[in-house]
Amino acid sequence: MRVIDRFPAPAPVKVNAVEIPPAAIAREAQNHPAPSADEAREAAVQALVVRQLLLQEATRLGLPAEPQTLEGGARETEEDALLRALLEQEVKVPSPTEAECMRYYRVNQARFRSPDLYEACHILFPADPEDEPARIGAEAAASQAIKELQSRPDSFAELARSLSACPSGKQGGNLGQISPGQTAPEFEEALKAMEVGTIAEDPVATRYGFHVIRLDRKIPGRDIPFESVKDRVADYLSDRVFHRAVRQYVLLLAGRAEIEGIEIASSASPLMQ
């Protein structure tokens, strides 16, 4: 009895009659994490087809491969040198003007602002996220500490030294200056909602347990002057325009080529891997 193959091999992938070996696709797929093997393979094929298109065009134009030493001491492969030479010659984009940089700066003002800083103290009652009885007990202990602090607010450091499971307890719970990302997200959100000089009315739950928090100071962020970031803005805008131009160039080459086994996506670019 003949066994029917339920999973036929994918169709060969060719660029102007040059086949991309399945082994190369399998290797490249490892560089494209995806929810499924099929999606990883699709991304790998897109990348390899684009690379083949560009290498064939560089060869057609007779460009020399002149590998350069990269930052860190690594050296370009001949193929990478060819790709760089091709894009340098064929993809020309204007540098952004200062007016364009200023416009981007003003529209995206929030990106060019230093973060708010906080000075706070806390008392940690530890509990594993998976240990429900421990969570209940830690929350109850934290609530009790808050009640005590409501009547004796000056005893925060004393309670921190005797009750907190955090090393900061030895310093009366003092965490020093806190910037975004330095604490658990729930802790950070609690700080944003608090008034300076107050103790959080309820324990704050994080993966570490429950926290009693006092906010001592908030240092508002400030706008970073345009002069300090204009070079960074110019680099960003140049890079964005260049990537867009490369995508358009790839689609132009794809339109002239005979490609089998896949359709080139509009977002395809050797710089977007």
Protein backbone atom coordinates (compact mmCIF):
# COMPACT_ATOMS: atom_id res chain seq x y z
CA MET A 1 0.00 0.00 0.00
CA ARG A 2 1.39 3.39 -0.97
CA VAL A 3 1.75 5.84 1.90
CA ILE A 4 0.55 9.34 1.06
CA ASP A 5 2.83 12.09 2.31
CA ARG A 6 0.63 14.35 4.43
CA PHE A 7 3.34 16.97 4.69
CA PRO A 8 4.83 17.60 1.22
CA ALA A 9 8.15 19.37 1.02
CA PRO A 10 7.93 23.11 0.39
CA ALA A 11 8.35 24.23 -3.19
CA PRO A 12 11.92 25.12 -4.19
CA VAL A 13 12.83 28.75 -3.72
CA LYS A 14 14.68 30.31 -6.65
CA VAL A 15 15.88 33.76 -7.60
CA ASN A 16 16.54 34.10 -11.32
CA ALA A 17 16.90 30.29 -11.52
CA VAL A 18 19.38 30.20 -8.61
CA GLU A 19 17.96 27.89 -5.94
CA ILE A 20 18.34 28.68 -2.25
CA PRO A 21 19.23 25.34 -0.62
CA PRO A 22 16.81 24.02 2.01
CA ALA A 23 19.76 23.59 4.40
CA ALA A 24 20.52 27.31 4.12
CA ILE A 25 16.89 28.14 4.85
CA ALA A 26 16.94 25.87 7.92
CA ARG A 27 20.10 27.57 9.23
CA GLU A 28 18.70 31.06 8.61
CA ALA A 29 15.41 30.19 10.35
CA GLN A 30 17.33 29.98 13.62
CA ASN A 31 17.91 33.74 13.36
CA HIS A 32 14.18 34.50 13.13
CA PRO A 33 12.33 33.59 16.34
CA ALA A 34 8.63 33.16 15.61
CA PRO A 35 5.51 31.56 17.13
CA SER A 36 5.73 28.65 14.68
CA ALA A 37 8.29 26.85 12.54
CA ASP A 38 6.39 27.86 9.40
CA GLU A 39 6.62 31.55 10.32
CA ALA A 40 10.32 31.25 11.10
CA ARG A 41 10.88 29.56 7.73
CA GLU A 42 8.89 32.28 5.94
CA ALA A 43 11.03 35.01 7.53
CA ALA A 44 14.20 33.12 6.69
CA VAL A 45 13.19 32.69 3.05
CA GLN A 46 12.33 36.39 2.78
CA ALA A 47 15.75 37.33 4.16
CA LEU A 48 17.67 34.93 1.92
CA VAL A 49 15.76 35.91 -1.21
CA VAL A 50 16.44 39.59 -0.57
CA ARG A 51 20.11 38.82 0.03
CA GLN A 52 20.31 36.82 -3.20
CA LEU A 53 18.62 39.63 -5.15
CA LEU A 54 21.15 42.14 -3.89
CA LEU A 55 24.17 39.90 -4.42
CA GLN A 56 23.09 39.18 -7.97
CA GLU A 57 22.67 42.89 -8.66
CA ALA A 58 26.09 43.68 -7.16
CA THR A 59 27.63 41.02 -9.40
CA ARG A 60 25.78 42.35 -12.46
CA LEU A 61 27.15 45.83 -11.76
CA GLY A 62 30.66 44.45 -11.34
CA LEU A 63 31.16 45.91 -7.88
CA PRO A 64 34.34 44.87 -6.06
CA ALA A 65 34.19 43.14 -2.67
CA GLU A 66 36.43 45.11 -0.32
CA PRO A 67 35.85 43.78 3.22
CA GLN A 68 36.37 46.25 6.03
CA THR A 69 37.30 45.74 9.66
CA LEU A 70 34.25 46.43 11.78
CA GLU A 71 33.96 47.92 15.22
CA GLY A 72 35.20 45.35 17.71
CA GLY A 73 37.76 43.90 15.32
CA ALA A 74 35.54 41.58 13.29
CA ARG A 75 35.99 41.60 9.53
CA GLU A 76 33.27 41.71 6.90
CA THR A 77 32.68 38.69 4.71
CA GLU A 78 33.00 39.26 0.97
CA GLU A 79 29.22 38.96 0.59
CA ASP A 80 28.58 41.56 3.29
CA ALA A 81 31.13 43.86 1.66
CA LEU A 82 29.31 43.47 -1.67
CA LEU A 83 25.96 44.31 -0.06
CA ARG A 84 27.42 47.40 1.61
CA ALA A 85 29.04 48.56 -1.65
CA LEU A 86 25.79 48.07 -3.57
CA LEU A 87 23.65 50.03 -1.10
CA GLU A 88 26.22 52.81 -0.82
CA GLN A 89 26.22 53.21 -4.60
CA GLU A 90 22.56 52.65 -5.44
CA VAL A 91 20.64 53.99 -2.43
CA LYS A 92 21.15 57.72 -1.96
CA VAL A 93 19.16 59.62 0.64
CA PRO A 94 19.40 63.28 1.69
CA SER A 95 20.49 64.23 5.18
CA PRO A 96 17.70 65.72 7.31
CA THR A 97 17.72 69.48 7.68
CA GLU A 98 17.86 71.17 11.07
CA ALA A 99 14.26 72.31 10.53
CA GLU A 100 13.16 68.69 10.01
CA CYS A 101 15.03 67.63 13.14
CA MET A 102 13.42 70.44 15.13
CA ARG A 103 9.96 69.45 13.86
CA TYR A 104 10.49 65.84 14.94
CA TYR A 105 11.80 67.03 18.32
CA ARG A 106 8.72 69.17 18.94
CA VAL A 107 6.23 66.52 17.84
CA ASN A 108 7.92 63.89 20.01
CA GLN A 109 8.73 66.11 22.98
CA ALA A 110 7.97 63.37 25.54
CA ARG A 111 10.84 61.29 24.16
CA PHE A 112 13.28 64.04 25.00
CA ARG A 113 12.52 64.46 28.66
CA SER A 114 14.50 63.13 31.59
CA PRO A 115 12.47 60.75 33.80
CA ASP A 116 10.90 61.60 37.12
CA LEU A 117 12.99 60.46 40.08
CA TYR A 118 11.71 59.34 43.46
CA GLU A 119 13.17 59.02 46.93
CA ALA A 120 11.29 56.44 48.95
CA CYS A 121 11.42 53.98 51.84
CA HIS A 122 9.68 50.63 52.11
CA ILE A 123 9.11 47.65 54.36
CA LEU A 124 8.96 44.31 52.58
CA PHE A 125 6.89 41.39 53.81
CA PRO A 126 8.07 38.54 51.54
CA ALA A 127 5.85 35.94 49.91
CA ASP A 128 6.29 33.66 46.91
CA PRO A 129 3.76 34.43 44.15
CA GLU A 130 2.77 30.73 44.07
CA ASP A 131 2.31 30.41 47.84
CA GLU A 132 -1.22 31.67 48.49
CA PRO A 133 -1.18 31.18 52.31
CA ALA A 134 2.09 33.10 52.49
CA ARG A 135 0.62 35.89 50.34
CA ILE A 136 -2.37 36.19 52.63
CA GLY A 137 -0.16 36.31 55.70
CA ALA A 138 2.23 38.86 54.20
CA GLU A 139 -0.61 41.15 53.15
CA ALA A 140 -2.13 40.98 56.63
CA ALA A 141 1.22 41.80 58.25
CA ALA A 142 1.75 44.73 55.88
CA SER A 143 -1.75 46.05 56.61
CA GLN A 144 -1.04 45.84 60.32
CA ALA A 145 2.18 47.80 59.88
CA ILE A 146 0.30 50.52 57.96
CA LYS A 147 -2.20 50.82 60.83
CA GLU A 148 0.62 51.21 63.31
CA LEU A 149 2.32 53.83 61.14
CA GLN A 150 -0.90 55.82 60.90
CA SER A 151 -0.70 56.39 64.63
CA ARG A 152 3.11 56.49 64.84
CA PRO A 153 4.41 57.75 61.47
CA ASP A 154 7.84 58.50 62.94
CA SER A 155 8.38 54.80 63.64
CA PHE A 156 8.84 53.85 59.96
CA ALA A 157 12.61 53.36 60.22
CA GLU A 158 12.24 51.37 63.39
CA LEU A 159 9.68 49.03 61.84
CA ALA A 160 11.74 48.65 58.69
CA ARG A 161 14.79 47.58 60.68
CA SER A 162 12.80 45.01 62.66
CA LEU A 163 10.34 43.72 60.01
CA SER A 164 11.61 44.27 56.46
CA ALA A 165 13.02 41.34 54.50
CA CYS A 166 14.81 43.74 52.14
CA PRO A 167 18.47 44.62 52.80
CA SER A 168 17.35 48.26 52.84
CA GLY A 169 15.73 47.53 56.18
CA LYS A 170 19.11 48.07 57.82
CA GLN A 171 18.93 51.67 56.57
CA GLY A 172 15.41 52.15 57.87
CA GLY A 173 13.94 51.01 54.55
CA ASN A 174 15.62 53.80 52.58
CA LEU A 175 15.89 52.92 48.87
CA GLY A 176 17.67 56.11 47.88
CA GLN A 177 16.92 57.68 44.52
CA ILE A 178 14.76 55.55 42.23
CA SER A 179 14.51 55.93 38.46
CA PRO A 180 12.10 54.17 36.07
CA GLY A 181 12.75 50.47 35.67
CA GLN A 182 14.68 50.04 38.92
CA THR A 183 11.75 48.60 40.86
CA ALA A 184 8.88 46.22 40.13
CA PRO A 185 6.24 47.78 37.83
CA GLU A 186 3.57 47.71 40.58
CA PHE A 187 5.94 49.48 42.97
CA GLU A 188 6.70 52.14 40.36
CA GLU A 189 3.01 52.73 39.63
CA ALA A 190 2.32 53.15 43.34
CA LEU A 191 5.03 55.82 43.61
CA LYS A 192 3.53 57.76 40.70
CA ALA A 193 0.13 57.84 42.43
CA MET A 194 1.41 58.96 45.85
CA GLU A 195 1.74 62.40 47.37
CA VAL A 196 5.13 63.36 48.74
CA GLY A 197 5.36 62.82 52.48
CA THR A 198 2.65 60.15 52.62
CA ILE A 199 2.54 56.42 53.29
CA ALA A 200 0.56 54.27 50.85
CA GLU A 201 -2.85 53.52 52.31
CA ASP A 202 -2.73 49.86 51.24
CA PRO A 203 0.05 47.29 50.88
CA VAL A 204 1.52 47.16 47.36
CA ALA A 205 1.76 43.66 45.92
CA THR A 206 4.71 42.62 43.74
CA ARG A 207 6.33 39.30 42.90
CA TYR A 208 8.49 39.77 45.98
CA GLY A 209 5.62 40.06 48.41
CA PHE A 210 3.82 43.07 49.93
CA HIS A 211 5.37 46.49 50.47
CA VAL A 212 4.61 49.32 52.83
CA ILE A 213 5.80 52.43 50.98
CA ARG A 214 6.59 55.98 52.04
CA LEU A 215 7.34 58.60 49.39
CA ASP A 216 9.81 61.18 50.68
CA ARG A 217 10.57 63.19 47.54
CA LYS A 218 9.72 63.46 43.87
CA ILE A 219 12.13 65.12 41.45
CA PRO A 220 10.24 66.00 38.26
CA GLY A 221 11.88 65.26 34.94
CA ARG A 222 12.89 68.09 32.66
CA ASP A 223 12.91 68.71 28.93
CA ILE A 224 16.25 67.97 27.29
CA PRO A 225 17.34 70.93 25.12
CA PHE A 226 17.24 70.44 21.34
CA GLU A 227 20.93 71.27 21.06
CA SER A 228 21.76 68.29 23.27
CA VAL A 229 19.87 65.78 21.12
CA LYS A 230 19.84 67.20 17.59
CA ASP A 231 22.65 64.89 16.41
CA ARG A 232 20.80 61.87 17.77
CA VAL A 233 17.60 63.03 16.07
CA ALA A 234 19.44 63.54 12.77
CA ASP A 235 20.93 60.03 12.97
CA TYR A 236 17.52 58.54 13.69
CA LEU A 237 15.80 60.35 10.82
CA SER A 238 18.62 59.47 8.41
CA ASP A 239 18.43 55.83 9.41
CA ARG A 240 14.64 55.75 9.01
CA VAL A 241 14.76 57.29 5.53
CA PHE A 242 17.59 54.98 4.48
CA HIS A 243 15.68 51.87 5.59
CA ARG A 244 12.63 53.03 3.66
CA ALA A 245 14.74 53.64 0.57
CA VAL A 246 16.33 50.20 0.83
CA ARG A 247 12.90 48.56 1.02
CA GLN A 248 11.84 50.41 -2.13
CA TYR A 249 15.06 49.38 -3.88
CA VAL A 250 14.52 45.73 -2.93
CA LEU A 251 10.97 45.82 -4.30
CA LEU A 252 12.28 47.35 -7.52
CA LEU A 253 14.79 44.52 -7.92
CA ALA A 254 12.14 41.93 -7.05
CA GLY A 255 9.85 43.34 -9.74
CA ARG A 256 12.53 42.76 -12.35
CA ALA A 257 13.50 39.29 -11.15
CA GLU A 258 12.01 35.83 -11.57
CA ILE A 259 11.31 34.60 -8.05
CA GLU A 260 9.83 31.17 -7.40
CA GLY A 261 8.47 29.71 -4.18
CA ILE A 262 7.64 32.94 -2.36
CA GLU A 263 6.36 36.49 -2.80
CA ILE A 264 8.53 39.29 -1.46
CA ALA A 265 6.84 41.20 1.36
CA SER A 266 6.63 44.98 1.09
CA SER A 267 8.58 45.24 4.35
CA ALA A 268 11.45 43.06 3.12
CA SER A 269 14.87 44.54 3.74
CA PRO A 270 18.33 43.14 4.47
CA LEU A 271 18.59 45.76 7.23
CA MET A 272 15.46 44.62 9.07
CA GLN A 273 16.55 41.11 10.00
